[in-house]
Amino acid sequence: MTNNAPSENLPIIHDGIIDPPHDVEVLSAEEFKLAFRNHPAGVAIVTADAGMGPVAMTVTSVFSVSAEPPLLVFSASAQSSATPTIAEADTVVIHLLGADQLHLAKLAATSGANRFPDDIAWEKLPTGETVYSEAHAWIRGRTVNKLKAGNSTVFLIEALEAKTPAEGSSELDASEAHPLVYHNRTWHKLDSNSKLDD
């Protein structure tokens, strides 16, 4: 007979905070990072403005959760100066980057850098959010839930609108598009050479 009762050793979620059990030995931070070293991730930038000016941060934790309703998730480290603003803002913009936007990924990942200099194309949406104009796709969404997890916050975002590649553009052609990927502490470009035969 299967016991479906929750384990007493599972983490507890209380008031939006994950509280791991204190009597269970877990992986060290170094072991955990090493396990993920060979797991590639897409690169995105999150921008937000809670009324004190826009902020931006590079993340590799974006993934879609549901298409109906349209939901996505990302996490933000407490060590990032952008995280408090992202947490306070009602809406955010998630920019999905191609290899041609590597300079943006590096800019938003550089501590202390001006994320919106005059030589970078950015603009304000009619709804007030700041977007990087050259990102090949972005999604504007509202935060519907937040969850403290260790030294990060996980954000659940409901998509409200998006800039997507135009019909017929090379960004919709898998043989022409070049997504930006982060793998083993290095930036990579996916292209036709990375395709595997079925």
N, C-alpha and C. Protein backbone atom coordinates (compact mmCIF):
# COMPACT_ATOMS: atom_id res chain seq x y z
N MET A 1 0.85 -1.20 0.00
CA MET A 1 0.00 0.00 0.00
C MET A 1 0.88 1.24 0.00
N THR A 2 0.56 2.18 -0.88
CA THR A 2 1.36 3.39 -1.00
C THR A 2 0.94 4.41 0.04
N ASN A 3 1.93 4.98 0.70
CA ASN A 3 1.66 6.02 1.70
C ASN A 3 1.78 7.37 1.03
N ASN A 4 0.67 8.08 0.86
CA ASN A 4 0.68 9.39 0.20
C ASN A 4 0.84 10.54 1.16
N ALA A 5 1.08 10.25 2.41
CA ALA A 5 1.26 11.32 3.40
C ALA A 5 2.56 12.04 3.12
N PRO A 6 2.60 13.36 3.30
CA PRO A 6 3.83 14.10 3.06
C PRO A 6 4.93 13.69 4.02
N SER A 7 6.16 13.66 3.51
CA SER A 7 7.30 13.30 4.34
C SER A 7 7.60 14.42 5.33
N GLU A 8 7.97 14.03 6.53
CA GLU A 8 8.33 15.03 7.53
C GLU A 8 9.67 15.70 7.19
N ASN A 9 10.41 15.11 6.24
CA ASN A 9 11.71 15.67 5.88
C ASN A 9 11.65 16.60 4.67
N LEU A 10 10.43 16.84 4.13
CA LEU A 10 10.30 17.74 3.00
C LEU A 10 10.40 19.19 3.47
N PRO A 11 10.90 20.08 2.59
CA PRO A 11 10.90 21.50 2.96
C PRO A 11 9.48 22.00 3.22
N ILE A 12 9.36 22.95 4.11
CA ILE A 12 8.06 23.51 4.45
C ILE A 12 7.97 24.91 3.85
N ILE A 13 6.84 25.20 3.19
CA ILE A 13 6.60 26.54 2.66
C ILE A 13 5.65 27.24 3.60
N HIS A 14 6.13 28.32 4.22
CA HIS A 14 5.34 29.05 5.21
C HIS A 14 5.45 30.53 4.93
N ASP A 15 4.30 31.18 4.69
CA ASP A 15 4.26 32.62 4.40
C ASP A 15 5.19 32.98 3.25
N GLY A 16 5.19 32.15 2.20
CA GLY A 16 5.98 32.46 1.03
C GLY A 16 7.47 32.24 1.19
N ILE A 17 7.90 31.48 2.19
CA ILE A 17 9.32 31.22 2.41
C ILE A 17 9.54 29.71 2.51
N ILE A 18 10.52 29.21 1.74
CA ILE A 18 10.86 27.80 1.84
C ILE A 18 11.79 27.61 3.02
N ASP A 19 11.35 26.77 3.96
CA ASP A 19 12.12 26.50 5.16
C ASP A 19 12.54 25.03 5.14
N PRO A 20 13.81 24.73 4.75
CA PRO A 20 14.23 23.33 4.69
C PRO A 20 14.33 22.73 6.08
N PRO A 21 14.08 21.43 6.19
CA PRO A 21 14.23 20.78 7.50
C PRO A 21 15.67 20.85 7.96
N HIS A 22 15.87 21.10 9.24
CA HIS A 22 17.23 21.32 9.75
C HIS A 22 17.95 20.03 10.09
N ASP A 23 17.23 18.90 10.10
CA ASP A 23 17.87 17.65 10.47
C ASP A 23 18.23 16.78 9.26
N VAL A 24 18.17 17.37 8.05
CA VAL A 24 18.49 16.63 6.83
C VAL A 24 19.75 17.20 6.21
N GLU A 25 20.71 16.33 5.90
CA GLU A 25 21.95 16.79 5.28
C GLU A 25 21.70 17.04 3.79
N VAL A 26 22.11 18.21 3.32
CA VAL A 26 21.90 18.57 1.92
C VAL A 26 23.24 18.77 1.23
N LEU A 27 23.20 18.86 -0.09
CA LEU A 27 24.42 19.10 -0.87
C LEU A 27 25.06 20.42 -0.47
N SER A 28 26.37 20.46 -0.56
CA SER A 28 27.06 21.73 -0.37
C SER A 28 26.82 22.61 -1.60
N ALA A 29 27.02 23.90 -1.44
CA ALA A 29 26.83 24.83 -2.56
C ALA A 29 27.74 24.46 -3.73
N GLU A 30 28.99 24.08 -3.44
CA GLU A 30 29.93 23.73 -4.51
C GLU A 30 29.50 22.48 -5.25
N GLU A 31 29.02 21.47 -4.53
CA GLU A 31 28.55 20.25 -5.18
C GLU A 31 27.33 20.54 -6.06
N PHE A 32 26.45 21.38 -5.54
CA PHE A 32 25.24 21.73 -6.29
C PHE A 32 25.60 22.46 -7.59
N LYS A 33 26.51 23.43 -7.49
CA LYS A 33 26.94 24.16 -8.68
C LYS A 33 27.61 23.24 -9.68
N LEU A 34 28.42 22.31 -9.18
CA LEU A 34 29.13 21.38 -10.05
C LEU A 34 28.15 20.49 -10.82
N ALA A 35 27.08 20.09 -10.15
CA ALA A 35 26.08 19.25 -10.81
C ALA A 35 25.42 19.98 -11.97
N PHE A 36 25.30 21.30 -11.86
CA PHE A 36 24.65 22.09 -12.91
C PHE A 36 25.64 22.64 -13.94
N ARG A 37 26.94 22.40 -13.76
CA ARG A 37 27.94 22.97 -14.66
C ARG A 37 27.72 22.55 -16.12
N ASN A 38 27.19 21.35 -16.33
CA ASN A 38 27.03 20.85 -17.69
C ASN A 38 25.58 20.94 -18.16
N HIS A 39 24.80 21.78 -17.49
CA HIS A 39 23.40 21.96 -17.86
C HIS A 39 23.23 23.37 -18.44
N PRO A 40 23.05 23.50 -19.76
CA PRO A 40 22.97 24.83 -20.37
C PRO A 40 21.65 25.53 -20.05
N ALA A 41 21.68 26.85 -20.15
CA ALA A 41 20.48 27.64 -19.89
C ALA A 41 20.40 28.81 -20.86
N GLY A 42 19.18 29.13 -21.26
CA GLY A 42 18.98 30.33 -22.06
C GLY A 42 19.26 31.57 -21.23
N VAL A 43 19.57 32.67 -21.91
CA VAL A 43 19.95 33.91 -21.24
C VAL A 43 18.85 34.95 -21.45
N ALA A 44 18.49 35.64 -20.38
CA ALA A 44 17.46 36.67 -20.44
C ALA A 44 17.87 37.85 -19.57
N ILE A 45 17.23 38.97 -19.80
CA ILE A 45 17.39 40.15 -18.95
C ILE A 45 16.02 40.53 -18.42
N VAL A 46 15.94 40.80 -17.12
CA VAL A 46 14.71 41.29 -16.51
C VAL A 46 14.89 42.77 -16.19
N THR A 47 13.94 43.59 -16.63
CA THR A 47 13.95 45.01 -16.27
C THR A 47 12.68 45.32 -15.48
N ALA A 48 12.80 46.32 -14.62
CA ALA A 48 11.66 46.75 -13.81
C ALA A 48 11.89 48.17 -13.34
N ASP A 49 10.80 48.83 -12.97
CA ASP A 49 10.87 50.19 -12.43
C ASP A 49 9.75 50.34 -11.42
N ALA A 50 10.12 50.51 -10.15
CA ALA A 50 9.11 50.66 -9.09
C ALA A 50 8.89 52.13 -8.75
N GLY A 51 9.36 53.03 -9.63
CA GLY A 51 9.15 54.45 -9.41
C GLY A 51 10.40 55.24 -9.09
N MET A 52 11.52 54.54 -8.90
CA MET A 52 12.79 55.21 -8.57
C MET A 52 13.81 55.08 -9.69
N GLY A 53 13.35 54.71 -10.88
CA GLY A 53 14.25 54.53 -12.02
C GLY A 53 14.39 53.06 -12.37
N PRO A 54 14.69 52.78 -13.64
CA PRO A 54 14.73 51.39 -14.08
C PRO A 54 15.97 50.64 -13.61
N VAL A 55 15.82 49.33 -13.44
CA VAL A 55 16.93 48.44 -13.12
C VAL A 55 16.89 47.29 -14.12
N ALA A 56 18.01 46.58 -14.22
CA ALA A 56 18.10 45.42 -15.12
C ALA A 56 19.04 44.40 -14.51
N MET A 57 18.73 43.13 -14.74
CA MET A 57 19.62 42.07 -14.30
C MET A 57 19.58 40.92 -15.30
N THR A 58 20.72 40.28 -15.52
CA THR A 58 20.80 39.11 -16.39
C THR A 58 20.46 37.87 -15.58
N VAL A 59 19.62 37.00 -16.14
CA VAL A 59 19.22 35.78 -15.47
C VAL A 59 19.30 34.60 -16.45
N THR A 60 19.55 33.42 -15.90
CA THR A 60 19.53 32.20 -16.70
C THR A 60 18.51 31.22 -16.14
N SER A 61 17.56 31.74 -15.38
CA SER A 61 16.60 30.89 -14.68
C SER A 61 15.18 31.01 -15.24
N VAL A 62 15.02 31.64 -16.41
CA VAL A 62 13.68 31.83 -16.96
C VAL A 62 13.18 30.53 -17.59
N PHE A 63 11.96 30.14 -17.27
CA PHE A 63 11.33 29.05 -18.00
C PHE A 63 9.82 29.22 -18.00
N SER A 64 9.19 28.69 -19.04
CA SER A 64 7.74 28.79 -19.14
C SER A 64 7.11 27.70 -18.28
N VAL A 65 5.97 28.04 -17.68
CA VAL A 65 5.25 27.12 -16.81
C VAL A 65 3.96 26.65 -17.46
N SER A 66 3.27 27.58 -18.11
CA SER A 66 1.96 27.27 -18.68
C SER A 66 1.69 28.23 -19.83
N ALA A 67 1.02 27.72 -20.87
CA ALA A 67 0.60 28.59 -21.98
C ALA A 67 -0.80 29.14 -21.77
N GLU A 68 -1.65 28.39 -21.06
CA GLU A 68 -3.01 28.81 -20.75
C GLU A 68 -3.31 28.54 -19.28
N PRO A 69 -3.19 29.52 -18.41
CA PRO A 69 -2.80 30.92 -18.67
C PRO A 69 -1.29 31.02 -18.94
N PRO A 70 -0.85 32.11 -19.58
CA PRO A 70 0.56 32.26 -19.91
C PRO A 70 1.39 32.65 -18.68
N LEU A 71 2.14 31.70 -18.15
CA LEU A 71 2.90 31.91 -16.93
C LEU A 71 4.36 31.54 -17.14
N LEU A 72 5.25 32.29 -16.54
CA LEU A 72 6.67 31.98 -16.56
C LEU A 72 7.26 32.25 -15.20
N VAL A 73 8.47 31.74 -14.99
CA VAL A 73 9.15 31.83 -13.70
C VAL A 73 10.58 32.27 -13.93
N PHE A 74 11.13 33.05 -12.99
CA PHE A 74 12.56 33.30 -12.93
C PHE A 74 12.93 33.52 -11.47
N SER A 75 14.21 33.42 -11.17
CA SER A 75 14.67 33.69 -9.81
C SER A 75 15.67 34.83 -9.82
N ALA A 76 15.72 35.55 -8.72
CA ALA A 76 16.62 36.70 -8.58
C ALA A 76 17.37 36.58 -7.26
N SER A 77 18.68 36.68 -7.33
CA SER A 77 19.52 36.56 -6.15
C SER A 77 19.40 37.79 -5.26
N ALA A 78 19.46 37.56 -3.97
CA ALA A 78 19.45 38.67 -3.02
C ALA A 78 20.70 39.52 -3.14
N GLN A 79 21.75 39.00 -3.77
CA GLN A 79 23.00 39.73 -3.92
C GLN A 79 22.93 40.78 -5.02
N SER A 80 21.93 40.70 -5.88
CA SER A 80 21.80 41.66 -6.97
C SER A 80 21.15 42.94 -6.47
N SER A 81 21.71 44.06 -6.86
CA SER A 81 21.15 45.35 -6.47
C SER A 81 19.80 45.61 -7.13
N ALA A 82 19.49 44.86 -8.20
CA ALA A 82 18.22 45.06 -8.90
C ALA A 82 17.06 44.33 -8.23
N THR A 83 17.36 43.33 -7.41
CA THR A 83 16.31 42.48 -6.86
C THR A 83 15.27 43.24 -6.03
N PRO A 84 15.65 44.17 -5.15
CA PRO A 84 14.61 44.88 -4.38
C PRO A 84 13.62 45.62 -5.26
N THR A 85 14.10 46.23 -6.35
CA THR A 85 13.19 46.94 -7.25
C THR A 85 12.29 45.97 -7.99
N ILE A 86 12.85 44.86 -8.46
CA ILE A 86 12.05 43.85 -9.15
C ILE A 86 10.98 43.31 -8.22
N ALA A 87 11.33 43.12 -6.94
CA ALA A 87 10.36 42.61 -5.96
C ALA A 87 9.27 43.62 -5.66
N GLU A 88 9.58 44.90 -5.74
CA GLU A 88 8.61 45.94 -5.41
C GLU A 88 7.71 46.30 -6.59
N ALA A 89 8.24 46.13 -7.82
CA ALA A 89 7.49 46.52 -9.01
C ALA A 89 6.30 45.59 -9.24
N ASP A 90 5.23 46.13 -9.75
CA ASP A 90 4.05 45.31 -10.08
C ASP A 90 4.27 44.52 -11.37
N THR A 91 5.04 45.11 -12.30
CA THR A 91 5.27 44.47 -13.59
C THR A 91 6.76 44.45 -13.90
N VAL A 92 7.14 43.52 -14.76
CA VAL A 92 8.52 43.39 -15.21
C VAL A 92 8.51 43.10 -16.71
N VAL A 93 9.68 43.25 -17.33
CA VAL A 93 9.84 42.84 -18.72
C VAL A 93 10.98 41.84 -18.79
N ILE A 94 10.71 40.69 -19.37
CA ILE A 94 11.72 39.64 -19.53
C ILE A 94 12.15 39.64 -20.98
N HIS A 95 13.42 39.95 -21.23
CA HIS A 95 13.98 39.98 -22.58
C HIS A 95 14.67 38.65 -22.86
N LEU A 96 14.27 37.97 -23.92
CA LEU A 96 14.88 36.71 -24.33
C LEU A 96 15.92 37.03 -25.40
N LEU A 97 17.17 36.67 -25.13
CA LEU A 97 18.28 37.19 -25.93
C LEU A 97 18.80 36.20 -26.96
N GLY A 98 19.21 36.76 -28.10
CA GLY A 98 19.97 36.02 -29.09
C GLY A 98 21.44 36.33 -28.90
N ALA A 99 22.28 35.60 -29.62
CA ALA A 99 23.73 35.79 -29.49
C ALA A 99 24.15 37.21 -29.85
N ASP A 100 23.40 37.87 -30.72
CA ASP A 100 23.73 39.25 -31.09
C ASP A 100 23.54 40.23 -29.94
N GLN A 101 22.85 39.79 -28.89
CA GLN A 101 22.64 40.67 -27.73
C GLN A 101 23.56 40.31 -26.56
N LEU A 102 24.67 39.63 -26.84
CA LEU A 102 25.61 39.28 -25.77
C LEU A 102 26.06 40.51 -24.99
N HIS A 103 26.28 41.62 -25.70
CA HIS A 103 26.72 42.84 -25.01
C HIS A 103 25.70 43.31 -23.98
N LEU A 104 24.41 43.09 -24.25
CA LEU A 104 23.38 43.45 -23.27
C LEU A 104 23.43 42.53 -22.06
N ALA A 105 23.62 41.24 -22.31
CA ALA A 105 23.71 40.27 -21.21
C ALA A 105 24.87 40.62 -20.30
N LYS A 106 26.01 40.96 -20.89
CA LYS A 106 27.18 41.32 -20.09
C LYS A 106 26.94 42.63 -19.33
N LEU A 107 26.30 43.59 -19.98
CA LEU A 107 26.03 44.87 -19.34
C LEU A 107 25.15 44.70 -18.10
N ALA A 108 24.06 43.94 -18.24
CA ALA A 108 23.13 43.78 -17.13
C ALA A 108 23.67 42.85 -16.05
N ALA A 109 24.80 42.18 -16.34
CA ALA A 109 25.42 41.31 -15.35
C ALA A 109 26.61 41.96 -14.65
N THR A 110 26.97 43.18 -15.07
CA THR A 110 28.14 43.87 -14.53
C THR A 110 27.76 44.72 -13.32
N SER A 111 28.32 44.38 -12.18
CA SER A 111 28.01 45.11 -10.95
C SER A 111 28.42 46.58 -11.05
N GLY A 112 27.51 47.46 -10.69
CA GLY A 112 27.80 48.89 -10.66
C GLY A 112 27.71 49.59 -11.99
N ALA A 113 27.45 48.86 -13.08
CA ALA A 113 27.40 49.48 -14.40
C ALA A 113 26.08 50.23 -14.60
N ASN A 114 26.14 51.29 -15.42
CA ASN A 114 24.93 51.99 -15.85
C ASN A 114 24.23 51.10 -16.87
N ARG A 115 23.09 50.55 -16.50
CA ARG A 115 22.40 49.59 -17.37
C ARG A 115 21.70 50.24 -18.56
N PHE A 116 21.56 51.55 -18.53
CA PHE A 116 20.84 52.24 -19.60
C PHE A 116 21.64 53.44 -20.11
N PRO A 117 22.84 53.20 -20.66
CA PRO A 117 23.67 54.30 -21.17
C PRO A 117 23.12 54.83 -22.50
N ASP A 118 23.64 55.97 -22.92
CA ASP A 118 23.15 56.61 -24.14
C ASP A 118 23.46 55.81 -25.40
N ASP A 119 24.50 54.96 -25.36
CA ASP A 119 24.87 54.22 -26.57
C ASP A 119 24.15 52.87 -26.70
N ILE A 120 23.19 52.61 -25.83
CA ILE A 120 22.37 51.39 -25.91
C ILE A 120 20.93 51.81 -26.22
N ALA A 121 20.31 51.12 -27.18
CA ALA A 121 18.94 51.45 -27.57
C ALA A 121 17.95 50.89 -26.55
N TRP A 122 17.27 51.79 -25.86
CA TRP A 122 16.22 51.39 -24.92
C TRP A 122 15.11 52.42 -24.97
N GLU A 123 13.96 52.04 -24.51
CA GLU A 123 12.80 52.93 -24.58
C GLU A 123 11.81 52.58 -23.47
N LYS A 124 10.90 53.51 -23.23
CA LYS A 124 9.82 53.29 -22.26
C LYS A 124 8.57 52.85 -23.02
N LEU A 125 7.94 51.80 -22.53
CA LEU A 125 6.66 51.39 -23.07
C LEU A 125 5.57 52.37 -22.62
N PRO A 126 4.45 52.43 -23.32
CA PRO A 126 3.34 53.29 -22.87
C PRO A 126 2.89 52.97 -21.45
N THR A 127 3.11 51.75 -21.02
CA THR A 127 2.72 51.34 -19.67
C THR A 127 3.78 51.67 -18.63
N GLY A 128 4.94 52.24 -19.06
CA GLY A 128 5.94 52.73 -18.13
C GLY A 128 7.18 51.87 -17.96
N GLU A 129 7.15 50.61 -18.42
CA GLU A 129 8.33 49.75 -18.26
C GLU A 129 9.41 50.11 -19.29
N THR A 130 10.64 49.79 -18.93
CA THR A 130 11.78 50.04 -19.80
C THR A 130 12.14 48.76 -20.54
N VAL A 131 12.37 48.87 -21.86
CA VAL A 131 12.76 47.71 -22.65
C VAL A 131 14.01 48.04 -23.46
N TYR A 132 14.82 47.01 -23.70
CA TYR A 132 15.95 47.11 -24.63
C TYR A 132 15.40 46.84 -26.03
N SER A 133 15.50 47.84 -26.90
CA SER A 133 14.84 47.80 -28.20
C SER A 133 15.33 46.67 -29.09
N GLU A 134 16.61 46.29 -28.97
CA GLU A 134 17.16 45.31 -29.91
C GLU A 134 16.95 43.87 -29.49
N ALA A 135 16.41 43.61 -28.32
CA ALA A 135 16.11 42.22 -27.92
C ALA A 135 15.16 41.62 -28.94
N HIS A 136 15.44 40.40 -29.39
CA HIS A 136 14.61 39.83 -30.46
C HIS A 136 13.23 39.44 -29.95
N ALA A 137 13.07 39.28 -28.64
CA ALA A 137 11.74 39.03 -28.06
C ALA A 137 11.73 39.50 -26.62
N TRP A 138 10.60 40.02 -26.19
CA TRP A 138 10.43 40.34 -24.77
C TRP A 138 8.98 40.07 -24.37
N ILE A 139 8.80 39.85 -23.08
CA ILE A 139 7.47 39.59 -22.52
C ILE A 139 7.27 40.53 -21.34
N ARG A 140 6.20 41.31 -21.39
CA ARG A 140 5.83 42.15 -20.25
C ARG A 140 4.82 41.37 -19.42
N GLY A 141 5.06 41.32 -18.12
CA GLY A 141 4.16 40.55 -17.27
C GLY A 141 4.02 41.15 -15.89
N ARG A 142 3.03 40.67 -15.17
CA ARG A 142 2.82 41.12 -13.79
C ARG A 142 3.17 39.98 -12.83
N THR A 143 3.74 40.36 -11.72
CA THR A 143 4.09 39.38 -10.70
C THR A 143 2.82 38.92 -9.98
N VAL A 144 2.56 37.61 -10.02
CA VAL A 144 1.37 37.07 -9.34
C VAL A 144 1.73 36.32 -8.07
N ASN A 145 3.03 35.99 -7.92
CA ASN A 145 3.45 35.33 -6.69
C ASN A 145 4.95 35.44 -6.55
N LYS A 146 5.42 35.43 -5.30
CA LYS A 146 6.86 35.45 -5.00
C LYS A 146 7.12 34.44 -3.91
N LEU A 147 8.26 33.79 -3.99
CA LEU A 147 8.60 32.76 -3.02
C LEU A 147 10.07 32.89 -2.65
N LYS A 148 10.35 33.14 -1.38
CA LYS A 148 11.73 33.17 -0.89
C LYS A 148 12.28 31.76 -0.90
N ALA A 149 13.43 31.58 -1.52
CA ALA A 149 14.05 30.26 -1.61
C ALA A 149 15.55 30.43 -1.40
N GLY A 150 16.02 30.11 -0.20
CA GLY A 150 17.43 30.32 0.11
C GLY A 150 17.77 31.80 0.02
N ASN A 151 18.84 32.12 -0.73
CA ASN A 151 19.22 33.53 -0.87
C ASN A 151 18.66 34.13 -2.16
N SER A 152 17.61 33.53 -2.69
CA SER A 152 16.97 34.04 -3.90
C SER A 152 15.47 34.19 -3.68
N THR A 153 14.85 34.90 -4.61
CA THR A 153 13.39 35.00 -4.67
C THR A 153 12.94 34.46 -6.01
N VAL A 154 11.96 33.57 -5.98
CA VAL A 154 11.38 33.02 -7.21
C VAL A 154 10.12 33.82 -7.53
N PHE A 155 10.04 34.30 -8.77
CA PHE A 155 8.93 35.13 -9.22
C PHE A 155 8.07 34.35 -10.21
N LEU A 156 6.76 34.33 -9.98
CA LEU A 156 5.81 33.77 -10.93
C LEU A 156 5.16 34.94 -11.66
N ILE A 157 5.29 34.94 -12.98
CA ILE A 157 4.87 36.07 -13.80
C ILE A 157 3.76 35.65 -14.77
N GLU A 158 2.70 36.45 -14.82
CA GLU A 158 1.65 36.26 -15.82
C GLU A 158 1.93 37.19 -16.99
N ALA A 159 2.07 36.62 -18.18
CA ALA A 159 2.41 37.41 -19.37
C ALA A 159 1.21 38.25 -19.81
N LEU A 160 1.47 39.53 -20.07
CA LEU A 160 0.43 40.45 -20.48
C LEU A 160 0.54 40.83 -21.95
N GLU A 161 1.75 41.02 -22.43
CA GLU A 161 1.98 41.33 -23.84
C GLU A 161 3.41 40.95 -24.19
N ALA A 162 3.69 40.89 -25.49
CA ALA A 162 5.02 40.48 -25.91
C ALA A 162 5.40 41.13 -27.23
N LYS A 163 6.69 41.31 -27.40
CA LYS A 163 7.26 41.60 -28.71
C LYS A 163 7.84 40.27 -29.20
N THR A 164 7.36 39.80 -30.33
CA THR A 164 7.81 38.52 -30.86
C THR A 164 8.41 38.72 -32.25
N PRO A 165 9.22 37.77 -32.71
CA PRO A 165 9.79 37.89 -34.06
C PRO A 165 8.68 38.02 -35.10
N ALA A 166 8.92 38.87 -36.08
CA ALA A 166 7.93 39.08 -37.14
C ALA A 166 7.79 37.83 -38.00
N GLU A 167 6.59 37.62 -38.50
CA GLU A 167 6.33 36.47 -39.38
C GLU A 167 7.29 36.50 -40.57
N GLY A 168 7.94 35.40 -40.82
CA GLY A 168 8.88 35.32 -41.94
C GLY A 168 10.29 35.76 -41.61
N SER A 169 10.53 36.24 -40.38
CA SER A 169 11.87 36.70 -40.02
C SER A 169 12.81 35.53 -39.79
N SER A 170 14.10 35.78 -39.88
CA SER A 170 15.10 34.72 -39.69
C SER A 170 15.06 34.18 -38.26
N GLU A 171 14.56 34.97 -37.31
CA GLU A 171 14.52 34.53 -35.92
C GLU A 171 13.52 33.40 -35.70
N LEU A 172 12.61 33.20 -36.66
CA LEU A 172 11.66 32.09 -36.57
C LEU A 172 12.16 30.85 -37.29
N ASP A 173 13.29 30.99 -38.00
CA ASP A 173 13.87 29.88 -38.75
C ASP A 173 14.95 29.23 -37.88
N ALA A 174 14.75 27.98 -37.50
CA ALA A 174 15.69 27.30 -36.61
C ALA A 174 17.09 27.22 -37.21
N SER A 175 17.20 27.27 -38.54
CA SER A 175 18.52 27.20 -39.16
C SER A 175 19.21 28.56 -39.19
N GLU A 176 18.46 29.63 -38.93
CA GLU A 176 19.01 30.98 -38.97
C GLU A 176 19.11 31.63 -37.60
N ALA A 177 18.25 31.25 -36.66
CA ALA A 177 18.25 31.87 -35.34
C ALA A 177 19.48 31.43 -34.54
N HIS A 178 19.99 32.32 -33.71
CA HIS A 178 21.19 32.04 -32.91
C HIS A 178 20.94 32.42 -31.45
N PRO A 179 20.25 31.56 -30.70
CA PRO A 179 19.99 31.87 -29.29
C PRO A 179 21.28 31.97 -28.48
N LEU A 180 21.23 32.79 -27.45
CA LEU A 180 22.34 32.95 -26.52
C LEU A 180 22.15 31.97 -25.36
N VAL A 181 23.19 31.19 -25.08
CA VAL A 181 23.13 30.15 -24.05
C VAL A 181 24.32 30.31 -23.11
N TYR A 182 24.07 30.04 -21.83
CA TYR A 182 25.15 30.05 -20.84
C TYR A 182 25.40 28.62 -20.40
N HIS A 183 26.66 28.18 -20.55
CA HIS A 183 27.00 26.79 -20.23
C HIS A 183 28.42 26.72 -19.70
N ASN A 184 28.56 26.08 -18.53
CA ASN A 184 29.88 25.87 -17.94
C ASN A 184 30.65 27.19 -17.79
N ARG A 185 29.92 28.20 -17.27
CA ARG A 185 30.49 29.52 -16.99
C ARG A 185 30.96 30.27 -18.23
N THR A 186 30.37 29.93 -19.38
CA THR A 186 30.79 30.55 -20.64
C THR A 186 29.56 30.83 -21.50
N TRP A 187 29.60 31.93 -22.27
CA TRP A 187 28.54 32.27 -23.21
C TRP A 187 28.72 31.41 -24.47
N HIS A 188 27.59 30.97 -25.04
CA HIS A 188 27.62 30.18 -26.27
C HIS A 188 26.52 30.65 -27.22
N LYS A 189 26.76 30.41 -28.51
CA LYS A 189 25.77 30.70 -29.55
C LYS A 189 25.30 29.39 -30.15
N LEU A 190 24.00 29.15 -30.14
CA LEU A 190 23.46 27.99 -30.81
C LEU A 190 23.28 28.31 -32.28
N ASP A 191 23.68 27.40 -33.15
CA ASP A 191 23.46 27.58 -34.58
C ASP A 191 23.26 26.22 -35.24
N SER A 192 23.26 26.18 -36.56
CA SER A 192 22.98 24.93 -37.26
C SER A 192 24.01 23.85 -36.96
N ASN A 193 25.23 24.24 -36.55
CA ASN A 193 26.26 23.25 -36.23
C ASN A 193 25.94 22.47 -34.94
N SER A 194 25.07 23.03 -34.11
CA SER A 194 24.73 22.36 -32.86
C SER A 194 23.54 21.41 -33.00
N LYS A 195 22.94 21.37 -34.20
CA LYS A 195 21.78 20.50 -34.41
C LYS A 195 22.20 19.04 -34.46
N LEU A 196 21.44 18.20 -33.76
CA LEU A 196 21.68 16.76 -33.80
C LEU A 196 20.66 16.10 -34.70
N ASP A 197 21.05 15.04 -35.36
CA ASP A 197 20.11 14.29 -36.19
C ASP A 197 19.08 13.59 -35.32
N ASP A 198 17.86 13.51 -35.79
CA ASP A 198 16.81 12.83 -35.04
C ASP A 198 17.12 11.33 -34.91
